[in-house]
């Protein structure tokens, strides 16, 4: 296996881990320890991460998509009695989204990025949280969406006037969420510092990282 494929497999593994970071942080912080790991769920989540970061780069055809979907559906059938079917559908929808964006024209690359870097990671984490916590709350969803949105803004940042307005907007939103007690003061402050710093480094020092790196850091920030 060449070095590039090894890096992509590593990225897929980190992607898989990234879906779990905030759900498990939330569980432990709030002492919601009445959960058990589910083997089939882990495989389903891994299938999404593997496709997103590795398989999609190999230009799979429609026949592969049918086979891959069939494997997922088989896993869903086997776990139908032990997993919430809405969770299984939600995860499968993310997989379908990843199939679909491969066929979008180049002019829709912003939409592709939004799906890959915001929608899929957010809903994968939500699916995991619902499975392990047996409920979902606004105090979980809002910080998660804020961080994932912030990382997308970093990737989009090019130094235009609108980009700076977006930085201001995400900063104001962080403050508002603090005032509404969805995140702590330190979390709000660190998110603002993180987004502004990474955006300015990208603009003035050409320092840029994949969205996955920003997302992992952002989810870890929510520990604060």
Protein backbone atom coordinates (compact mmCIF):
# COMPACT_ATOMS: atom_id res chain seq x y z
CA UNK A 1 0.00 0.00 0.00
CA UNK A 2 1.48 3.34 -1.02
CA UNK A 3 2.04 6.22 1.36
CA UNK A 4 -0.90 8.27 0.08
CA UNK A 5 -3.37 5.46 0.69
CA UNK A 6 -1.95 4.95 4.16
CA UNK A 7 -2.52 8.62 4.93
CA UNK A 8 -6.09 8.38 3.67
CA UNK A 9 -6.76 5.35 5.84
CA UNK A 10 -5.35 7.23 8.81
CA UNK A 11 -7.61 10.17 7.94
CA UNK A 12 -10.57 7.78 7.84
CA UNK A 13 -9.68 6.49 11.30
CA UNK A 14 -9.36 10.03 12.69
CA UNK A 15 -12.67 10.92 11.01
CA UNK A 16 -14.27 7.96 12.78
CA UNK A 17 -12.83 9.10 16.11
CA UNK A 18 -13.93 12.69 15.50
CA UNK A 19 -17.59 11.64 15.37
CA UNK A 20 -17.25 10.23 18.89
CA UNK A 21 -15.29 13.01 20.61
CA UNK A 22 -18.05 15.38 21.68
CA UNK A 23 -20.73 12.71 22.32
CA UNK A 24 -18.47 10.90 24.79
CA UNK A 25 -17.25 14.15 26.33
CA UNK A 26 -20.87 15.14 26.86
CA UNK A 27 -21.70 11.74 28.36
CA UNK A 28 -18.86 11.83 30.88
CA UNK A 29 -19.27 15.50 31.81
CA UNK A 30 -22.95 14.94 32.58
CA UNK A 31 -22.42 11.53 34.24
CA UNK A 32 -24.56 9.72 31.67
CA UNK A 33 -22.70 6.47 32.07
CA UNK A 34 -25.56 4.03 31.47
CA UNK A 35 -24.48 3.16 27.95
CA UNK A 36 -22.93 0.17 26.21
CA UNK A 37 -21.00 0.05 22.97
CA UNK A 38 -22.81 -1.47 20.01
CA UNK A 39 -20.71 -3.44 17.55
CA UNK A 40 -22.96 -3.01 14.53
CA UNK A 41 -23.25 0.73 15.16
CA UNK A 42 -19.47 1.03 15.26
CA UNK A 43 -19.22 -0.75 11.91
CA UNK A 44 -21.91 1.48 10.36
CA UNK A 45 -20.18 4.63 11.54
CA UNK A 46 -16.84 3.28 10.34
CA UNK A 47 -18.36 2.64 6.91
CA UNK A 48 -19.28 6.32 6.60
CA UNK A 49 -15.85 7.51 7.74
CA UNK A 50 -14.06 5.03 5.49
CA UNK A 51 -16.10 6.02 2.46
CA UNK A 52 -15.72 9.75 3.13
CA UNK A 53 -11.97 9.82 3.58
CA UNK A 54 -10.71 6.81 1.64
CA UNK A 55 -13.09 4.99 -0.69
CA UNK A 56 -14.47 8.15 -2.33
CA UNK A 57 -10.94 9.04 -3.46
CA UNK A 58 -10.75 5.77 -5.41
CA UNK A 59 -13.60 6.81 -7.73
CA UNK A 60 -16.03 3.98 -6.92
CA UNK A 61 -18.74 3.31 -9.48
CA UNK A 62 -22.48 2.79 -9.02
CA UNK A 63 -22.08 -0.98 -8.68
CA UNK A 64 -19.79 -0.46 -5.73
CA UNK A 65 -22.30 1.95 -4.18
CA UNK A 66 -25.02 -0.69 -4.52
CA UNK A 67 -22.80 -3.33 -2.90
CA UNK A 68 -21.69 -0.97 -0.13
CA UNK A 69 -25.30 0.01 0.56
CA UNK A 70 -26.33 -3.64 0.60
CA UNK A 71 -23.71 -4.37 3.26
CA UNK A 72 -25.03 -1.48 5.33
CA UNK A 73 -28.63 -2.62 4.94
CA UNK A 74 -27.63 -6.15 5.98
CA UNK A 75 -26.02 -4.74 9.13
CA UNK A 76 -29.15 -2.68 9.76
CA UNK A 77 -31.35 -5.77 9.46
CA UNK A 78 -29.12 -7.71 11.85
CA UNK A 79 -29.27 -4.91 14.42
CA UNK A 80 -32.89 -3.92 13.89
CA UNK A 81 -33.98 -5.09 17.34
CA UNK A 82 -31.09 -3.52 19.21
CA UNK A 83 -30.64 -0.20 17.41
CA UNK A 84 -33.07 2.65 16.94
CA UNK A 85 -34.18 2.53 13.31
CA UNK A 86 -34.21 6.32 13.04
CA UNK A 87 -30.51 6.28 13.93
CA UNK A 88 -29.81 3.66 11.27
CA UNK A 89 -31.71 5.70 8.68
CA UNK A 90 -29.91 8.89 9.72
CA UNK A 91 -26.50 7.28 9.28
CA UNK A 92 -27.49 5.76 5.94
CA UNK A 93 -28.69 9.16 4.72
CA UNK A 94 -25.21 10.56 5.39
CA UNK A 95 -23.77 7.77 3.28
CA UNK A 96 -26.20 8.59 0.48
CA UNK A 97 -25.23 12.27 0.70
CA UNK A 98 -21.61 11.26 0.19
CA UNK A 99 -22.60 9.19 -2.84
CA UNK A 100 -24.56 12.08 -4.35
CA UNK A 101 -22.02 14.86 -3.98
CA UNK A 102 -19.57 12.91 -6.11
CA UNK A 103 -21.73 13.70 -9.12
CA UNK A 104 -22.15 17.42 -8.52
CA UNK A 105 -20.50 19.80 -11.02
CA UNK A 106 -17.45 21.78 -9.95
CA UNK A 107 -19.52 24.93 -9.48
CA UNK A 108 -21.18 23.27 -6.48
CA UNK A 109 -17.94 22.64 -4.59
CA UNK A 110 -19.08 24.89 -1.75
CA UNK A 111 -22.11 22.65 -1.32
CA UNK A 112 -19.86 19.59 -1.42
CA UNK A 113 -17.71 21.07 1.32
CA UNK A 114 -20.77 21.94 3.40
CA UNK A 115 -22.06 18.37 3.18
CA UNK A 116 -18.71 16.71 3.88
CA UNK A 117 -17.43 19.05 6.56
CA UNK A 118 -20.60 20.17 8.34
CA UNK A 119 -23.71 18.11 7.65
CA UNK A 120 -22.23 14.61 7.71
CA UNK A 121 -19.98 15.07 10.79
CA UNK A 122 -22.73 16.86 12.72
CA UNK A 123 -25.41 14.26 12.11
CA UNK A 124 -23.05 11.37 12.70
CA UNK A 125 -22.25 12.76 16.15
CA UNK A 126 -25.94 13.38 16.80
CA UNK A 127 -26.75 9.77 15.83
CA UNK A 128 -24.07 8.47 18.19
CA UNK A 129 -25.20 10.72 21.02
CA UNK A 130 -28.82 9.65 20.66
CA UNK A 131 -27.84 5.98 20.68
CA UNK A 132 -25.66 6.15 23.77
CA UNK A 133 -27.61 8.76 25.76
CA UNK A 134 -31.08 7.57 24.65
CA UNK A 135 -32.09 11.20 24.17
CA UNK A 136 -30.84 14.32 22.48
CA UNK A 137 -30.82 17.84 23.86
CA UNK A 138 -30.34 21.38 22.64
CA UNK A 139 -27.36 21.73 24.98
CA UNK A 140 -25.65 19.01 22.96
CA UNK A 141 -26.70 19.99 19.45
CA UNK A 142 -26.05 23.73 19.63
CA UNK A 143 -22.36 23.65 20.69
CA UNK A 144 -21.68 20.83 18.24
CA UNK A 145 -23.19 22.74 15.32
CA UNK A 146 -21.37 25.91 16.38
CA UNK A 147 -17.97 24.25 16.35
CA UNK A 148 -18.53 22.38 13.09
CA UNK A 149 -19.81 25.56 11.45
CA UNK A 150 -16.81 27.49 12.74
CA UNK A 151 -14.39 24.99 11.19
CA UNK A 152 -16.15 25.30 7.84
CA UNK A 153 -15.80 29.09 8.02
CA UNK A 154 -12.06 28.66 8.56
CA UNK A 155 -11.83 26.58 5.39
CA UNK A 156 -13.86 29.15 3.43
CA UNK A 157 -11.91 32.14 4.76
CA UNK A 158 -10.08 34.07 2.04
CA UNK A 159 -9.88 37.51 3.61
CA UNK A 160 -12.78 39.16 1.82
CA UNK A 161 -15.13 41.60 3.50
CA UNK A 162 -17.82 38.93 3.77
CA UNK A 163 -15.32 36.56 5.37
CA UNK A 164 -14.57 39.08 8.11
CA UNK A 165 -18.29 39.65 8.62
CA UNK A 166 -18.68 35.89 9.05
CA UNK A 167 -15.93 35.93 11.70
CA UNK A 168 -17.79 38.66 13.54
CA UNK A 169 -21.04 36.71 13.21
CA UNK A 170 -19.57 33.49 14.63
CA UNK A 171 -18.01 35.48 17.48
CA UNK A 172 -21.33 37.16 18.30
CA UNK A 173 -23.08 33.80 18.09
CA UNK A 174 -20.60 32.31 20.56
CA UNK A 175 -21.29 35.14 23.01
CA UNK A 176 -25.05 34.71 22.60
CA UNK A 177 -24.79 30.97 23.28
CA UNK A 178 -22.77 31.74 26.40
CA UNK A 179 -25.45 34.17 27.59
CA UNK A 180 -28.05 31.46 26.96
CA UNK A 181 -25.96 29.02 29.04
CA UNK A 182 -25.38 26.60 26.16
CA UNK A 183 -21.60 26.93 26.46
CA UNK A 184 -19.29 28.24 29.15
CA UNK A 185 -17.57 31.61 29.01
CA UNK A 186 -14.20 29.94 28.48
CA UNK A 187 -15.53 27.75 25.69
CA UNK A 188 -17.00 30.78 23.92
CA UNK A 189 -13.74 32.69 24.32
CA UNK A 190 -11.55 29.82 23.10
CA UNK A 191 -13.81 29.18 20.09
CA UNK A 192 -13.56 32.84 19.07
CA UNK A 193 -9.78 32.88 19.54
CA UNK A 194 -9.42 29.60 17.66
CA UNK A 195 -11.50 30.66 14.66
CA UNK A 196 -9.96 34.12 14.37
CA UNK A 197 -6.40 32.83 14.81
CA UNK A 198 -6.72 30.01 12.28
CA UNK A 199 -8.41 32.30 9.77
CA UNK A 200 -5.73 34.98 10.04
CA UNK A 201 -2.95 32.40 9.85
CA UNK A 202 -4.52 31.08 6.68
CA UNK A 203 -4.73 34.57 5.21
CA UNK A 204 -1.37 36.02 6.21
CA UNK A 205 0.88 32.99 6.75
CA UNK A 206 -0.63 30.53 4.26
CA UNK A 207 -1.10 28.14 7.16
CA UNK A 208 -3.98 25.83 6.35
CA UNK A 209 -5.06 22.40 7.57
CA UNK A 210 -7.76 19.98 6.43
CA UNK A 211 -11.19 20.51 7.94
CA UNK A 212 -10.79 17.25 9.85
CA UNK A 213 -7.92 18.73 11.88
CA UNK A 214 -9.89 21.86 12.71
CA UNK A 215 -12.93 19.76 13.62
CA UNK A 216 -11.01 17.53 16.01
CA UNK A 217 -9.52 20.58 17.73
CA UNK A 218 -12.92 22.28 17.83
CA UNK A 219 -14.61 19.28 19.42
CA UNK A 220 -11.85 19.07 22.02
CA UNK A 221 -12.40 22.76 22.80
CA UNK A 222 -15.91 21.85 23.93
CA UNK A 223 -14.33 20.05 26.88
CA UNK A 224 -13.63 23.45 28.44
